[in-house]
C-alpha cells in the first residue's frame, strides 16, 4: 500500500471516530434526560407494564361497577412504583394510582366501583360506569404523563368502530 493511500485511510478512519464521538456526546444527554425509563435497568416502562385486559359492561342492565375493570400487568421482574400513574378513558375520566407498588410479574385490576384496595385489586370508588361498552380506549400514562400503553375496543384495524377488541396500540 502506498504512503498516500495509507495516510488517506488513516484520515478517513480518524474522521469517522471523531464523528462517532460527537454523535455519542450529543445523544448521551438526551437519553439521560429521558424519564420514560426504569432507572435501575434503563428499560422503557413500555416493555414492562401493559394493559393486560379490559372488562367493560356487556349489558346496560349490569349495574355492578366492580365487574368493570382494567388489568395492569408488570411483565418485568422488579417491583415498580405506580404512584402518580394514570389510567384514563376517551372522555377524560382519570384514575390516579396513589401509593401503589406493582410487584414484578404480577397484575392488578382497577375496578370502577367501590371496594377495599388490596395488592391485586384497586377501586376507583365511582358511582357511574367509566368504560363504554360500544367503543373506548383505556390509556395508561406514567407519573410524567408519558404514554405507556393503551387498549381499544369497538374499532377495526383502521380505527373505525366495529365492536371488536384490538389490544394495545403503542
N, C-alpha and C. Protein backbone atom coordinates (compact mmCIF):
# COMPACT_ATOMS: atom_id res chain seq x y z
N UNK A 1 0.85 -1.16 0.00
CA UNK A 1 0.00 0.00 0.00
C UNK A 1 0.89 1.22 0.00
N UNK A 2 0.57 2.22 -0.80
CA UNK A 2 1.42 3.40 -0.87
C UNK A 2 1.22 4.27 0.35
N UNK A 3 2.16 5.17 0.59
CA UNK A 3 2.10 6.04 1.76
C UNK A 3 0.92 6.99 1.68
N UNK A 4 0.58 7.47 0.47
CA UNK A 4 -0.53 8.42 0.35
C UNK A 4 -1.88 7.74 0.59
N UNK A 5 -2.05 6.48 0.11
CA UNK A 5 -3.29 5.75 0.35
C UNK A 5 -3.42 5.44 1.83
N UNK A 6 -2.33 5.05 2.48
CA UNK A 6 -2.34 4.75 3.90
C UNK A 6 -2.71 5.99 4.72
N UNK A 7 -2.18 7.14 4.35
CA UNK A 7 -2.49 8.38 5.06
C UNK A 7 -3.96 8.73 4.87
N UNK A 8 -4.50 8.51 3.68
CA UNK A 8 -5.91 8.80 3.40
C UNK A 8 -6.81 7.90 4.24
N UNK A 9 -6.46 6.61 4.31
CA UNK A 9 -7.25 5.67 5.11
C UNK A 9 -7.24 6.10 6.57
N UNK A 10 -6.08 6.52 7.08
CA UNK A 10 -5.99 6.96 8.47
C UNK A 10 -6.84 8.20 8.71
N UNK A 11 -6.84 9.16 7.75
CA UNK A 11 -7.64 10.37 7.91
C UNK A 11 -9.14 10.05 7.92
N UNK A 12 -9.57 9.16 7.01
CA UNK A 12 -10.98 8.77 6.96
C UNK A 12 -11.38 8.07 8.26
N UNK A 13 -10.54 7.19 8.74
CA UNK A 13 -10.82 6.48 9.99
C UNK A 13 -10.89 7.46 11.16
N UNK A 14 -9.97 8.42 11.21
CA UNK A 14 -9.96 9.41 12.28
C UNK A 14 -11.22 10.27 12.22
N UNK A 15 -11.65 10.64 11.01
CA UNK A 15 -12.86 11.44 10.86
C UNK A 15 -14.09 10.65 11.33
N UNK A 16 -14.12 9.36 11.02
CA UNK A 16 -15.25 8.52 11.45
C UNK A 16 -15.29 8.41 12.96
N UNK A 17 -14.15 8.24 13.59
CA UNK A 17 -14.09 8.15 15.06
C UNK A 17 -14.52 9.48 15.68
N UNK A 18 -14.07 10.58 15.12
CA UNK A 18 -14.45 11.90 15.63
C UNK A 18 -15.95 12.13 15.48
N UNK A 19 -16.51 11.75 14.34
CA UNK A 19 -17.95 11.91 14.12
C UNK A 19 -18.74 11.06 15.11
N UNK A 20 -18.29 9.84 15.35
CA UNK A 20 -18.98 8.96 16.30
C UNK A 20 -18.93 9.55 17.70
N UNK A 21 -17.81 10.16 18.07
CA UNK A 21 -17.67 10.76 19.39
C UNK A 21 -18.63 11.94 19.54
N UNK A 22 -18.77 12.76 18.49
CA UNK A 22 -19.69 13.90 18.54
C UNK A 22 -21.12 13.42 18.66
N UNK A 23 -21.52 12.43 17.86
CA UNK A 23 -22.87 11.89 17.92
C UNK A 23 -23.13 11.30 19.30
N UNK A 24 -22.17 10.56 19.84
CA UNK A 24 -22.34 9.98 21.17
C UNK A 24 -22.48 11.04 22.24
N UNK A 25 -21.71 12.11 22.15
CA UNK A 25 -21.78 13.18 23.14
C UNK A 25 -23.12 13.91 23.08
N UNK A 26 -23.65 14.08 21.87
CA UNK A 26 -24.94 14.75 21.72
C UNK A 26 -26.07 13.84 22.17
N UNK A 27 -26.01 12.56 21.85
CA UNK A 27 -27.09 11.63 22.18
C UNK A 27 -27.14 11.29 23.66
N UNK A 28 -26.01 11.28 24.34
CA UNK A 28 -25.97 10.89 25.73
C UNK A 28 -26.83 11.77 26.63
N UNK A 29 -26.71 13.09 26.56
CA UNK A 29 -27.57 13.89 27.44
C UNK A 29 -29.05 13.72 27.14
N UNK A 30 -29.42 13.56 25.89
CA UNK A 30 -30.83 13.39 25.56
C UNK A 30 -31.39 12.12 26.18
N UNK A 31 -30.66 11.01 26.12
CA UNK A 31 -31.17 9.78 26.71
C UNK A 31 -31.11 9.83 28.23
N UNK A 32 -30.14 10.52 28.78
CA UNK A 32 -30.04 10.62 30.24
C UNK A 32 -31.20 11.44 30.80
N UNK A 33 -31.71 12.39 30.01
CA UNK A 33 -32.81 13.22 30.48
C UNK A 33 -34.16 12.56 30.30
N UNK A 34 -34.23 11.47 29.59
CA UNK A 34 -35.50 10.81 29.32
C UNK A 34 -35.96 10.08 30.57
N UNK A 35 -37.08 10.53 31.14
CA UNK A 35 -37.59 9.92 32.37
C UNK A 35 -38.52 8.76 32.09
N UNK A 36 -38.65 8.34 30.84
CA UNK A 36 -39.57 7.26 30.47
C UNK A 36 -38.89 5.90 30.60
N UNK A 37 -37.86 5.81 31.42
CA UNK A 37 -37.12 4.56 31.58
C UNK A 37 -37.06 4.16 33.04
N UNK A 38 -36.95 2.89 33.27
CA UNK A 38 -36.72 2.34 34.60
C UNK A 38 -35.27 2.67 34.92
N UNK A 39 -35.03 3.53 35.89
CA UNK A 39 -33.68 4.00 36.17
C UNK A 39 -32.74 2.90 36.65
N UNK A 40 -33.28 1.81 37.17
CA UNK A 40 -32.42 0.72 37.62
C UNK A 40 -31.81 -0.05 36.46
N UNK A 41 -32.55 -0.18 35.37
CA UNK A 41 -32.08 -1.05 34.28
C UNK A 41 -32.07 -0.39 32.92
N UNK A 42 -32.49 0.89 32.84
CA UNK A 42 -32.51 1.58 31.57
C UNK A 42 -33.54 1.05 30.59
N UNK A 43 -34.49 0.24 31.06
CA UNK A 43 -35.53 -0.28 30.18
C UNK A 43 -36.73 0.64 30.18
N UNK A 44 -37.38 0.75 29.07
CA UNK A 44 -38.57 1.56 28.97
C UNK A 44 -39.71 0.91 29.75
N UNK A 45 -40.57 1.75 30.39
CA UNK A 45 -41.76 1.23 31.05
C UNK A 45 -42.60 0.44 30.06
N UNK A 46 -42.60 0.90 28.81
CA UNK A 46 -43.43 0.26 27.80
C UNK A 46 -43.11 -1.21 27.66
N UNK A 47 -41.88 -1.60 27.88
CA UNK A 47 -41.52 -3.00 27.73
C UNK A 47 -41.90 -3.80 28.97
N UNK A 48 -42.23 -3.13 30.06
CA UNK A 48 -42.51 -3.83 31.31
C UNK A 48 -43.97 -3.79 31.73
N UNK A 49 -44.64 -2.67 31.54
CA UNK A 49 -46.00 -2.51 32.04
C UNK A 49 -46.97 -2.38 30.86
N UNK A 50 -48.01 -3.21 30.89
CA UNK A 50 -49.00 -3.20 29.80
C UNK A 50 -50.41 -3.29 30.37
N UNK A 51 -51.37 -2.89 29.57
CA UNK A 51 -52.76 -3.14 29.90
C UNK A 51 -53.03 -4.57 29.45
N UNK A 52 -53.26 -5.43 30.42
CA UNK A 52 -53.38 -6.85 30.14
C UNK A 52 -54.78 -7.29 29.74
N UNK A 53 -55.78 -6.49 30.06
CA UNK A 53 -57.15 -6.84 29.70
C UNK A 53 -58.12 -5.79 30.20
N UNK A 54 -59.29 -5.78 29.58
CA UNK A 54 -60.34 -4.84 29.96
C UNK A 54 -61.65 -5.61 30.00
N UNK A 55 -62.42 -5.38 31.04
CA UNK A 55 -63.78 -5.90 31.06
C UNK A 55 -64.70 -4.70 31.23
N UNK A 56 -65.41 -4.37 30.18
CA UNK A 56 -66.36 -3.26 30.21
C UNK A 56 -67.76 -3.84 30.33
N UNK A 57 -68.74 -3.03 30.67
CA UNK A 57 -70.09 -3.57 30.84
C UNK A 57 -70.61 -4.13 29.52
N UNK A 58 -71.03 -5.38 29.54
CA UNK A 58 -71.51 -6.02 28.32
C UNK A 58 -73.00 -5.81 28.12
N UNK A 59 -73.67 -5.36 29.16
CA UNK A 59 -75.10 -5.11 29.05
C UNK A 59 -75.47 -3.93 29.94
N UNK A 60 -76.37 -3.11 29.48
CA UNK A 60 -76.76 -1.91 30.22
C UNK A 60 -77.40 -2.23 31.57
N UNK A 61 -78.01 -3.41 31.72
CA UNK A 61 -78.68 -3.76 32.97
C UNK A 61 -77.70 -4.25 34.04
N UNK A 62 -76.44 -4.51 33.67
CA UNK A 62 -75.44 -4.96 34.64
C UNK A 62 -74.95 -3.75 35.42
N UNK A 63 -75.43 -3.58 36.64
CA UNK A 63 -75.12 -2.40 37.44
C UNK A 63 -73.90 -2.58 38.36
N UNK A 64 -73.29 -3.73 38.37
CA UNK A 64 -72.15 -3.96 39.25
C UNK A 64 -70.90 -3.32 38.66
N UNK A 65 -70.51 -2.18 39.19
CA UNK A 65 -69.35 -1.46 38.67
C UNK A 65 -68.04 -2.16 38.98
N UNK A 66 -68.07 -3.12 39.90
CA UNK A 66 -66.85 -3.86 40.18
C UNK A 66 -66.60 -4.98 39.17
N UNK A 67 -67.57 -5.23 38.31
CA UNK A 67 -67.37 -6.16 37.19
C UNK A 67 -66.77 -5.43 35.99
N UNK A 68 -66.59 -4.14 36.13
CA UNK A 68 -65.96 -3.30 35.10
C UNK A 68 -64.54 -2.99 35.59
N UNK A 69 -63.53 -3.44 34.84
CA UNK A 69 -62.17 -3.26 35.31
C UNK A 69 -61.17 -3.23 34.15
N UNK A 70 -59.98 -2.76 34.48
CA UNK A 70 -58.83 -2.78 33.57
C UNK A 70 -57.69 -3.44 34.32
N UNK A 71 -57.04 -4.39 33.67
CA UNK A 71 -55.87 -5.04 34.29
C UNK A 71 -54.59 -4.37 33.82
N UNK A 72 -53.72 -4.06 34.79
CA UNK A 72 -52.40 -3.51 34.51
C UNK A 72 -51.39 -4.56 34.95
N UNK A 73 -50.53 -4.97 34.03
CA UNK A 73 -49.60 -6.07 34.27
C UNK A 73 -48.16 -5.58 34.20
N UNK A 74 -47.37 -5.95 35.20
CA UNK A 74 -45.93 -5.70 35.22
C UNK A 74 -45.26 -6.96 34.71
N UNK A 75 -44.73 -6.92 33.50
CA UNK A 75 -44.07 -8.09 32.92
C UNK A 75 -42.62 -8.21 33.35
N UNK A 76 -42.10 -7.17 34.00
CA UNK A 76 -40.72 -7.19 34.45
C UNK A 76 -40.56 -7.98 35.75
N UNK A 77 -39.33 -8.23 36.11
CA UNK A 77 -39.05 -8.99 37.33
C UNK A 77 -39.10 -8.12 38.58
N UNK A 78 -38.80 -6.86 38.44
CA UNK A 78 -38.71 -5.97 39.60
C UNK A 78 -40.03 -5.24 39.86
N UNK A 79 -40.28 -4.95 41.14
CA UNK A 79 -41.45 -4.17 41.52
C UNK A 79 -41.33 -2.78 40.90
N UNK A 80 -42.47 -2.15 40.67
CA UNK A 80 -42.48 -0.83 40.06
C UNK A 80 -43.46 0.07 40.81
N UNK A 81 -42.99 1.24 41.22
CA UNK A 81 -43.83 2.20 41.91
C UNK A 81 -44.73 2.90 40.90
N UNK A 82 -46.05 2.73 41.03
CA UNK A 82 -47.01 3.35 40.11
C UNK A 82 -47.58 4.66 40.66
N UNK A 83 -47.05 5.16 41.75
CA UNK A 83 -47.54 6.39 42.36
C UNK A 83 -47.53 7.52 41.32
N UNK A 84 -48.70 8.11 41.09
CA UNK A 84 -48.81 9.21 40.13
C UNK A 84 -49.14 8.77 38.71
N UNK A 85 -49.12 7.47 38.42
CA UNK A 85 -49.51 6.97 37.10
C UNK A 85 -51.02 7.17 36.95
N UNK A 86 -51.49 7.25 35.71
CA UNK A 86 -52.91 7.44 35.47
C UNK A 86 -53.44 6.42 34.47
N UNK A 87 -54.72 6.14 34.62
CA UNK A 87 -55.47 5.27 33.72
C UNK A 87 -56.70 6.08 33.32
N UNK A 88 -56.89 6.33 32.01
CA UNK A 88 -57.98 7.19 31.59
C UNK A 88 -58.73 6.61 30.39
N UNK A 89 -59.95 7.14 30.19
CA UNK A 89 -60.75 6.74 29.04
C UNK A 89 -60.80 7.88 28.03
N UNK A 90 -61.52 7.68 26.92
CA UNK A 90 -61.61 8.69 25.87
C UNK A 90 -62.32 9.96 26.32
N UNK A 91 -63.17 9.87 27.33
CA UNK A 91 -63.92 11.03 27.81
C UNK A 91 -63.15 11.84 28.85
N UNK A 92 -61.96 11.39 29.20
CA UNK A 92 -61.15 12.12 30.17
C UNK A 92 -61.32 11.68 31.61
N UNK A 93 -62.15 10.65 31.85
CA UNK A 93 -62.25 10.11 33.21
C UNK A 93 -60.89 9.52 33.56
N UNK A 94 -60.34 9.93 34.68
CA UNK A 94 -58.97 9.53 35.02
C UNK A 94 -58.87 8.99 36.44
N UNK A 95 -58.21 7.85 36.56
CA UNK A 95 -57.88 7.28 37.86
C UNK A 95 -56.38 7.47 38.06
N UNK A 96 -55.99 7.98 39.23
CA UNK A 96 -54.57 8.18 39.54
C UNK A 96 -54.16 7.19 40.61
N UNK A 97 -53.12 6.44 40.34
CA UNK A 97 -52.57 5.48 41.31
C UNK A 97 -51.92 6.27 42.44
N UNK A 98 -52.23 5.91 43.68
CA UNK A 98 -51.66 6.57 44.86
C UNK A 98 -51.01 5.52 45.76
N UNK A 99 -49.74 5.70 46.02
CA UNK A 99 -49.01 4.85 46.96
C UNK A 99 -49.21 3.36 46.63
N UNK A 100 -48.98 3.01 45.38
CA UNK A 100 -49.15 1.61 44.97
C UNK A 100 -47.90 1.12 44.27
N UNK A 101 -47.42 -0.03 44.72
CA UNK A 101 -46.25 -0.68 44.11
C UNK A 101 -46.73 -1.98 43.48
N UNK A 102 -46.55 -2.09 42.16
CA UNK A 102 -46.94 -3.29 41.42
C UNK A 102 -45.75 -4.25 41.42
N UNK A 103 -45.95 -5.39 42.02
CA UNK A 103 -44.87 -6.37 42.11
C UNK A 103 -44.48 -6.88 40.73
N UNK A 104 -43.25 -7.36 40.65
CA UNK A 104 -42.77 -7.93 39.39
C UNK A 104 -43.60 -9.15 39.00
N UNK A 105 -43.83 -9.28 37.71
CA UNK A 105 -44.58 -10.41 37.14
C UNK A 105 -45.95 -10.59 37.82
N UNK A 106 -46.65 -9.46 37.99
CA UNK A 106 -47.97 -9.53 38.62
C UNK A 106 -48.94 -8.57 37.94
N UNK A 107 -50.20 -8.72 38.28
CA UNK A 107 -51.27 -7.92 37.67
C UNK A 107 -52.16 -7.35 38.76
N UNK A 108 -52.63 -6.13 38.54
CA UNK A 108 -53.62 -5.51 39.41
C UNK A 108 -54.84 -5.16 38.56
N UNK A 109 -56.02 -5.39 39.12
CA UNK A 109 -57.27 -4.99 38.47
C UNK A 109 -57.73 -3.67 39.08
N UNK A 110 -58.01 -2.71 38.22
CA UNK A 110 -58.53 -1.43 38.66
C UNK A 110 -60.03 -1.43 38.36
N UNK A 111 -60.83 -1.61 39.41
CA UNK A 111 -62.28 -1.69 39.29
C UNK A 111 -62.88 -0.29 39.31
N UNK A 112 -64.01 -0.12 38.65
CA UNK A 112 -64.67 1.17 38.60
C UNK A 112 -65.38 1.50 39.91
N UNK A 113 -66.01 0.52 40.54
CA UNK A 113 -66.85 0.76 41.71
C UNK A 113 -66.09 0.93 43.01
N UNK A 114 -66.83 0.71 44.10
CA UNK A 114 -66.29 0.86 45.45
C UNK A 114 -65.76 -0.45 45.97
N UNK A 115 -64.73 -0.39 46.80
CA UNK A 115 -64.17 -1.57 47.43
C UNK A 115 -62.97 -1.20 48.27
N UNK A 116 -62.40 -2.20 48.87
CA UNK A 116 -61.21 -2.02 49.70
C UNK A 116 -59.99 -2.41 48.88
N UNK A 117 -59.08 -1.47 48.69
CA UNK A 117 -57.88 -1.73 47.90
C UNK A 117 -57.06 -2.85 48.51
N UNK A 118 -56.50 -3.68 47.65
CA UNK A 118 -55.61 -4.75 48.07
C UNK A 118 -54.44 -4.82 47.08
N UNK A 119 -53.58 -5.78 47.25
CA UNK A 119 -52.44 -5.93 46.37
C UNK A 119 -52.87 -6.23 44.93
N UNK A 120 -53.98 -6.97 44.76
CA UNK A 120 -54.42 -7.40 43.43
C UNK A 120 -55.62 -6.64 42.88
N UNK A 121 -56.26 -5.83 43.71
CA UNK A 121 -57.47 -5.11 43.29
C UNK A 121 -57.45 -3.69 43.84
N UNK A 122 -57.66 -2.72 42.95
CA UNK A 122 -57.78 -1.32 43.34
C UNK A 122 -59.16 -0.85 42.88
N UNK A 123 -59.71 0.16 43.57
CA UNK A 123 -61.07 0.62 43.28
C UNK A 123 -61.07 2.13 43.05
N UNK A 124 -61.76 2.54 41.99
CA UNK A 124 -61.85 3.96 41.65
C UNK A 124 -62.88 4.69 42.52
N UNK A 125 -63.77 3.93 43.16
CA UNK A 125 -64.82 4.50 44.02
C UNK A 125 -65.74 5.45 43.25
N UNK A 126 -66.15 5.00 42.07
CA UNK A 126 -67.08 5.77 41.24
C UNK A 126 -68.49 5.21 41.35
N UNK A 127 -69.45 6.07 41.12
CA UNK A 127 -70.86 5.68 41.17
C UNK A 127 -71.43 5.40 39.78
N UNK A 128 -70.69 5.76 38.74
CA UNK A 128 -71.16 5.54 37.37
C UNK A 128 -70.08 4.85 36.54
N UNK A 129 -70.50 4.21 35.49
CA UNK A 129 -69.60 3.48 34.60
C UNK A 129 -68.60 4.42 33.94
N UNK A 130 -67.39 3.93 33.73
CA UNK A 130 -66.35 4.69 33.05
C UNK A 130 -66.18 4.20 31.62
N UNK A 131 -66.09 2.90 31.45
CA UNK A 131 -65.72 2.32 30.16
C UNK A 131 -66.96 2.08 29.31
N UNK A 132 -66.97 2.63 28.11
CA UNK A 132 -68.09 2.49 27.19
C UNK A 132 -68.09 1.08 26.61
N UNK A 133 -69.25 0.44 26.61
CA UNK A 133 -69.33 -0.94 26.12
C UNK A 133 -69.27 -1.01 24.60
N UNK A 134 -69.59 0.08 23.90
CA UNK A 134 -69.57 0.05 22.43
C UNK A 134 -68.18 0.33 21.87
N UNK A 135 -67.51 1.31 22.41
CA UNK A 135 -66.16 1.67 21.95
C UNK A 135 -65.50 2.57 22.98
N UNK A 136 -64.24 2.36 23.21
CA UNK A 136 -63.48 3.19 24.14
C UNK A 136 -62.01 2.82 24.03
N UNK A 137 -61.18 3.58 24.69
CA UNK A 137 -59.75 3.30 24.77
C UNK A 137 -59.30 3.55 26.20
N UNK A 138 -58.64 2.56 26.80
CA UNK A 138 -58.03 2.71 28.11
C UNK A 138 -56.57 3.09 27.87
N UNK A 139 -56.13 4.19 28.47
CA UNK A 139 -54.76 4.68 28.26
C UNK A 139 -54.04 4.76 29.60
N UNK A 140 -52.85 4.18 29.65
CA UNK A 140 -52.01 4.19 30.83
C UNK A 140 -50.84 5.14 30.60
N UNK A 141 -50.63 6.06 31.54
CA UNK A 141 -49.51 7.01 31.47
C UNK A 141 -48.70 6.95 32.76
N UNK A 142 -47.40 7.22 32.64
CA UNK A 142 -46.55 7.19 33.83
C UNK A 142 -46.68 8.49 34.62
N UNK A 143 -45.92 8.62 35.68
CA UNK A 143 -46.03 9.77 36.58
C UNK A 143 -45.64 11.09 35.91
N UNK A 144 -44.99 11.03 34.75
CA UNK A 144 -44.61 12.22 34.00
C UNK A 144 -45.62 12.54 32.88
N UNK A 145 -46.70 11.75 32.82
CA UNK A 145 -47.71 11.96 31.80
C UNK A 145 -47.37 11.35 30.45
N UNK A 146 -46.31 10.56 30.42
CA UNK A 146 -45.89 9.94 29.16
C UNK A 146 -46.67 8.65 28.91
N UNK A 147 -47.02 8.45 27.67
CA UNK A 147 -47.76 7.27 27.24
C UNK A 147 -46.98 6.00 27.56
N UNK A 148 -47.67 5.02 28.15
CA UNK A 148 -47.08 3.72 28.45
C UNK A 148 -47.74 2.64 27.60
N UNK A 149 -49.08 2.59 27.61
CA UNK A 149 -49.79 1.58 26.84
C UNK A 149 -51.26 1.98 26.71
N UNK A 150 -51.95 1.36 25.76
CA UNK A 150 -53.39 1.58 25.64
C UNK A 150 -54.04 0.33 25.06
N UNK A 151 -55.34 0.22 25.28
CA UNK A 151 -56.12 -0.88 24.71
C UNK A 151 -57.45 -0.28 24.26
N UNK A 152 -57.86 -0.66 23.06
CA UNK A 152 -59.11 -0.15 22.50
C UNK A 152 -60.05 -1.29 22.17
N UNK A 153 -61.32 -1.00 22.17
CA UNK A 153 -62.32 -1.96 21.71
C UNK A 153 -63.37 -1.19 20.94
N UNK A 154 -64.05 -1.91 20.04
CA UNK A 154 -65.07 -1.29 19.23
C UNK A 154 -64.51 -0.60 18.01
N UNK A 155 -63.25 -0.89 17.63
CA UNK A 155 -62.62 -0.29 16.46
C UNK A 155 -62.02 -1.39 15.60
N UNK A 156 -61.99 -1.18 14.29
CA UNK A 156 -61.29 -2.12 13.43
C UNK A 156 -59.83 -1.68 13.31
N UNK A 157 -59.04 -2.38 12.53
CA UNK A 157 -57.61 -2.10 12.44
C UNK A 157 -57.30 -0.74 11.84
N UNK A 158 -58.27 -0.07 11.22
CA UNK A 158 -58.06 1.27 10.65
C UNK A 158 -58.57 2.36 11.58
N UNK A 159 -59.05 1.99 12.77
CA UNK A 159 -59.54 2.98 13.72
C UNK A 159 -61.02 3.26 13.61
N UNK A 160 -61.73 2.53 12.75
CA UNK A 160 -63.18 2.69 12.64
C UNK A 160 -63.87 1.81 13.66
N UNK A 161 -64.98 2.25 14.15
CA UNK A 161 -65.72 1.48 15.16
C UNK A 161 -66.27 0.20 14.53
N UNK A 162 -66.03 -0.93 15.18
CA UNK A 162 -66.57 -2.20 14.68
C UNK A 162 -67.00 -3.16 15.77
N UNK A 163 -66.84 -2.79 17.04
CA UNK A 163 -67.30 -3.65 18.13
C UNK A 163 -66.31 -4.67 18.63
N UNK A 164 -65.15 -4.81 18.01
CA UNK A 164 -64.17 -5.82 18.42
C UNK A 164 -63.09 -5.28 19.33
N UNK A 165 -62.37 -6.17 19.95
CA UNK A 165 -61.23 -5.83 20.83
C UNK A 165 -59.99 -5.78 19.98
N UNK A 166 -59.19 -4.75 20.16
CA UNK A 166 -57.99 -4.62 19.34
C UNK A 166 -56.72 -4.42 20.13
N UNK A 167 -56.70 -4.87 21.36
CA UNK A 167 -55.48 -4.91 22.14
C UNK A 167 -54.77 -3.59 22.28
N UNK A 168 -53.45 -3.66 22.32
CA UNK A 168 -52.65 -2.48 22.61
C UNK A 168 -52.21 -1.75 21.36
N UNK A 169 -52.07 -0.45 21.53
CA UNK A 169 -51.51 0.41 20.49
C UNK A 169 -50.38 1.17 21.16
N UNK A 170 -49.15 0.88 20.79
CA UNK A 170 -48.01 1.52 21.44
C UNK A 170 -47.44 2.62 20.61
